[in-house]
Amino acid sequence: MLKRLSLVFAVLVLMAIAGCSKPPEAEMQASQTAIDQARAAEAEQYVPDVFRIAADTLNAANAAKQEQDSKFALFRSYGKSKEMFIRAKALADNAATEAAAEKERVRVQVEGLITQAQAAIDSANAALAKAPKGKGNKAEIELIKNDLTTLGAQFEEAKNNFTAGKYLVARSKVEAVMQKANGIINEITMAAAKKK
């Protein structure tokens, strides 16, 4: 009888210990919410490496939890996965913060680039207005005018992207506009040199 009571008591102790090792549901949910918030803050675009580390940590935590889920209830231990979920949340929060800072830095940079691109387009238009117009380069001048018209439309599109908060897209488009405007200025200079 005493052996049976000891056995029952031992089983109850093991069940109590196993009961203490519950899945870290709250930590899992908090880390997933933090990842979603980092994604909404565009961390994937602005700080991809930081976001990837947070996402990888969350994936590893989920894998560790699933590994424990597959074990017999008495042998489950969620301590490692709980720590990983907490770490994933901290990394995701950090990714969201860094993304906001990087997005602001890019916004300021693009604002400056827009000013420079406008100046380059204005210079190209001024150079075109001063370009000598004759039979020899009339076709070239018309092509350059068409290029400038197209360039103006691309610049407006870049500014619309900037206004919409798509700063990375706007930056690449504005840089392309500046490069093209400088190319047009060189074309006009070369056309003027041929005329002389």
Protein backbone atom coordinates (compact mmCIF):
# COMPACT_ATOMS: atom_id res chain seq x y z
CA MET A 1 0.00 0.00 0.00
CA LEU A 2 2.82 2.35 0.91
CA LYS A 3 4.55 1.58 -2.40
CA ARG A 4 1.37 2.42 -4.31
CA LEU A 5 1.00 5.73 -2.45
CA SER A 6 4.64 6.53 -3.17
CA LEU A 7 4.13 5.72 -6.83
CA VAL A 8 0.97 7.84 -7.01
CA PHE A 9 2.75 10.65 -5.19
CA ALA A 10 5.72 10.43 -7.60
CA VAL A 11 3.36 10.56 -10.59
CA LEU A 12 1.56 13.57 -9.12
CA VAL A 13 4.90 15.35 -8.52
CA LEU A 14 5.96 14.68 -12.12
CA MET A 15 2.61 15.93 -13.40
CA ALA A 16 2.97 19.06 -11.28
CA ILE A 17 6.44 19.65 -12.68
CA ALA A 18 5.17 19.10 -16.20
CA GLY A 19 2.29 21.46 -15.47
CA CYS A 20 4.82 24.17 -14.65
CA SER A 21 6.28 23.86 -18.14
CA LYS A 22 3.46 25.41 -20.13
CA PRO A 23 3.86 26.67 -23.69
CA PRO A 24 4.96 30.33 -23.80
CA GLU A 25 1.80 31.46 -25.59
CA ALA A 26 1.93 35.08 -24.33
CA GLU A 27 5.58 35.49 -25.36
CA MET A 28 4.88 33.85 -28.72
CA GLN A 29 1.98 36.20 -29.41
CA ALA A 30 3.96 39.27 -28.27
CA SER A 31 6.89 38.41 -30.54
CA GLN A 32 4.61 37.82 -33.54
CA THR A 33 2.88 41.15 -32.91
CA ALA A 34 6.27 42.88 -32.71
CA ILE A 35 7.33 41.31 -36.03
CA ASP A 36 4.07 42.46 -37.63
CA GLN A 37 4.65 45.98 -36.32
CA ALA A 38 8.22 45.98 -37.64
CA ARG A 39 6.91 44.84 -41.02
CA ALA A 40 4.31 47.66 -40.95
CA ALA A 41 7.14 50.10 -40.15
CA GLU A 42 8.80 48.88 -43.39
CA ALA A 43 11.76 47.37 -41.56
CA GLU A 44 12.10 44.81 -44.38
CA GLN A 45 12.92 47.64 -46.80
CA TYR A 46 14.81 50.09 -44.59
CA VAL A 47 16.78 47.77 -42.27
CA PRO A 48 16.55 44.36 -43.96
CA ASP A 49 19.42 42.74 -42.02
CA VAL A 50 18.03 43.77 -38.63
CA PHE A 51 14.54 42.60 -39.60
CA ARG A 52 15.88 39.29 -40.95
CA ILE A 53 17.65 38.56 -37.65
CA ALA A 54 14.42 39.23 -35.73
CA ALA A 55 12.39 37.05 -38.10
CA ASP A 56 14.98 34.25 -37.97
CA THR A 57 14.95 34.36 -34.17
CA LEU A 58 11.16 34.11 -34.16
CA ASN A 59 11.30 31.16 -36.57
CA ALA A 60 13.88 29.43 -34.36
CA ALA A 61 11.70 30.04 -31.29
CA ASN A 62 8.70 28.54 -33.07
CA ALA A 63 10.79 25.52 -34.07
CA ALA A 64 12.01 25.08 -30.47
CA LYS A 65 8.42 25.27 -29.19
CA GLN A 66 7.18 22.76 -31.76
CA GLU A 67 10.00 20.42 -30.78
CA GLN A 68 8.82 20.55 -27.17
CA ASP A 69 5.17 20.19 -28.24
CA SER A 70 6.05 16.88 -29.88
CA LYS A 71 7.53 15.45 -26.67
CA PHE A 72 5.62 13.54 -24.01
CA ALA A 73 3.99 16.01 -21.59
CA LEU A 74 6.19 15.05 -18.64
CA PHE A 75 9.36 15.78 -20.58
CA ARG A 76 8.46 19.15 -22.11
CA SER A 77 10.54 22.19 -21.23
CA TYR A 78 9.67 25.50 -22.86
CA GLY A 79 12.35 27.60 -21.15
CA LYS A 80 14.58 27.88 -24.23
CA SER A 81 11.74 28.75 -26.61
CA LYS A 82 10.36 31.29 -24.11
CA GLU A 83 13.73 33.05 -23.98
CA MET A 84 13.93 33.01 -27.78
CA PHE A 85 10.44 34.51 -28.12
CA ILE A 86 11.41 37.29 -25.70
CA ARG A 87 14.60 37.89 -27.70
CA ALA A 88 12.67 37.90 -30.99
CA LYS A 89 10.29 40.54 -29.61
CA ALA A 90 13.19 42.75 -28.50
CA LEU A 91 14.87 42.38 -31.91
CA ALA A 92 11.61 43.16 -33.74
CA ASP A 93 11.00 46.23 -31.57
CA ASN A 94 14.54 47.36 -32.35
CA ALA A 95 13.97 46.75 -36.08
CA ALA A 96 10.85 48.93 -36.02
CA THR A 97 12.73 51.72 -34.23
CA GLU A 98 15.71 51.54 -36.58
CA ALA A 99 13.41 51.43 -39.62
CA ALA A 100 11.69 54.64 -38.52
CA ALA A 101 15.06 56.37 -38.09
CA GLU A 102 16.36 55.11 -41.44
CA LYS A 103 13.15 56.08 -43.21
CA GLU A 104 13.48 59.63 -41.86
CA ARG A 105 17.14 59.76 -42.95
CA VAL A 106 16.18 58.63 -46.47
CA ARG A 107 13.31 61.14 -46.56
CA VAL A 108 15.69 64.01 -45.79
CA GLN A 109 18.19 62.68 -48.34
CA VAL A 110 15.54 62.42 -51.07
CA GLU A 111 14.30 65.92 -50.28
CA GLY A 112 17.81 67.20 -51.04
CA LEU A 113 18.07 65.06 -54.17
CA ILE A 114 14.77 66.45 -55.47
CA THR A 115 16.19 69.97 -55.16
CA GLN A 116 19.35 68.91 -57.00
CA ALA A 117 17.36 67.12 -59.70
CA GLN A 118 15.19 70.21 -60.24
CA ALA A 119 18.35 72.29 -60.62
CA ALA A 120 19.76 69.78 -63.13
CA ILE A 121 16.53 69.83 -65.17
CA ASP A 122 16.50 73.64 -65.09
CA SER A 123 20.14 73.69 -66.26
CA ALA A 124 19.32 71.29 -69.08
CA ASN A 125 16.39 73.47 -70.19
CA ALA A 126 18.56 76.61 -70.01
CA ALA A 127 21.32 74.91 -72.01
CA LEU A 128 18.78 73.78 -74.59
CA ALA A 129 17.41 77.32 -74.90
CA LYS A 130 20.95 78.63 -75.59
CA ALA A 131 21.88 75.82 -77.97
CA PRO A 132 22.51 76.99 -81.53
CA LYS A 133 19.69 75.93 -83.80
CA GLY A 134 20.62 75.18 -87.35
CA LYS A 135 20.06 72.62 -90.06
CA GLY A 136 22.91 70.43 -88.88
CA ASN A 137 21.64 69.85 -85.37
CA LYS A 138 17.91 70.48 -85.64
CA ALA A 139 17.08 66.75 -85.37
CA GLU A 140 19.37 66.38 -82.36
CA ILE A 141 17.74 69.36 -80.64
CA GLU A 142 14.28 67.85 -81.22
CA LEU A 143 15.41 64.54 -79.71
CA ILE A 144 16.81 66.38 -76.71
CA LYS A 145 13.51 68.27 -76.28
CA ASN A 146 11.64 64.96 -76.29
CA ASP A 147 14.10 63.54 -73.76
CA LEU A 148 13.54 66.55 -71.50
CA THR A 149 9.78 66.15 -71.75
CA THR A 150 10.06 62.48 -70.80
CA LEU A 151 12.47 63.39 -68.04
CA GLY A 152 9.99 65.92 -66.64
CA ALA A 153 7.31 63.21 -66.46
CA GLN A 154 9.71 60.82 -64.69
CA PHE A 155 10.62 63.57 -62.23
CA GLU A 156 6.94 64.21 -61.45
CA GLU A 157 6.46 60.48 -60.87
CA ALA A 158 9.43 60.46 -58.47
CA LYS A 159 7.98 63.44 -56.60
CA ASN A 160 4.61 61.66 -56.35
CA ASN A 161 6.38 58.62 -54.88
CA PHE A 162 8.07 60.92 -52.37
CA THR A 163 4.75 62.51 -51.41
CA ALA A 164 3.24 59.02 -50.97
CA GLY A 165 6.02 58.12 -48.53
CA LYS A 166 7.77 55.68 -50.89
CA TYR A 167 11.16 57.21 -50.21
CA LEU A 168 13.35 54.35 -51.45
CA VAL A 169 11.49 54.21 -54.77
CA ALA A 170 11.60 58.00 -55.04
CA ARG A 171 15.35 58.03 -54.32
CA SER A 172 16.18 55.62 -57.13
CA LYS A 173 13.94 57.51 -59.58
CA VAL A 174 15.35 60.93 -58.62
CA GLU A 175 18.91 59.64 -58.97
CA ALA A 176 18.03 58.31 -62.45
CA VAL A 177 16.50 61.69 -63.36
CA MET A 178 19.64 63.53 -62.24
CA GLN A 179 21.86 61.18 -64.23
CA LYS A 180 19.71 61.62 -67.34
CA ALA A 181 19.57 65.43 -66.92
CA ASN A 182 23.36 65.59 -66.68
CA GLY A 183 23.57 63.38 -69.77
CA ILE A 184 21.28 65.77 -71.65
CA ILE A 185 23.45 68.74 -70.64
CA ASN A 186 26.47 66.89 -72.04
CA GLU A 187 24.57 66.13 -75.28
CA ILE A 188 23.68 69.82 -75.67
CA THR A 189 27.29 70.83 -75.01
CA MET A 190 28.51 68.34 -77.63
CA ALA A 191 25.88 69.53 -80.14
CA ALA A 192 26.95 73.14 -79.58
CA ALA A 193 30.62 72.16 -80.05
CA LYS A 194 29.79 70.45 -83.37
CA LYS A 195 28.00 73.58 -84.58
CA LYS A 196 31.05 75.72 -83.85
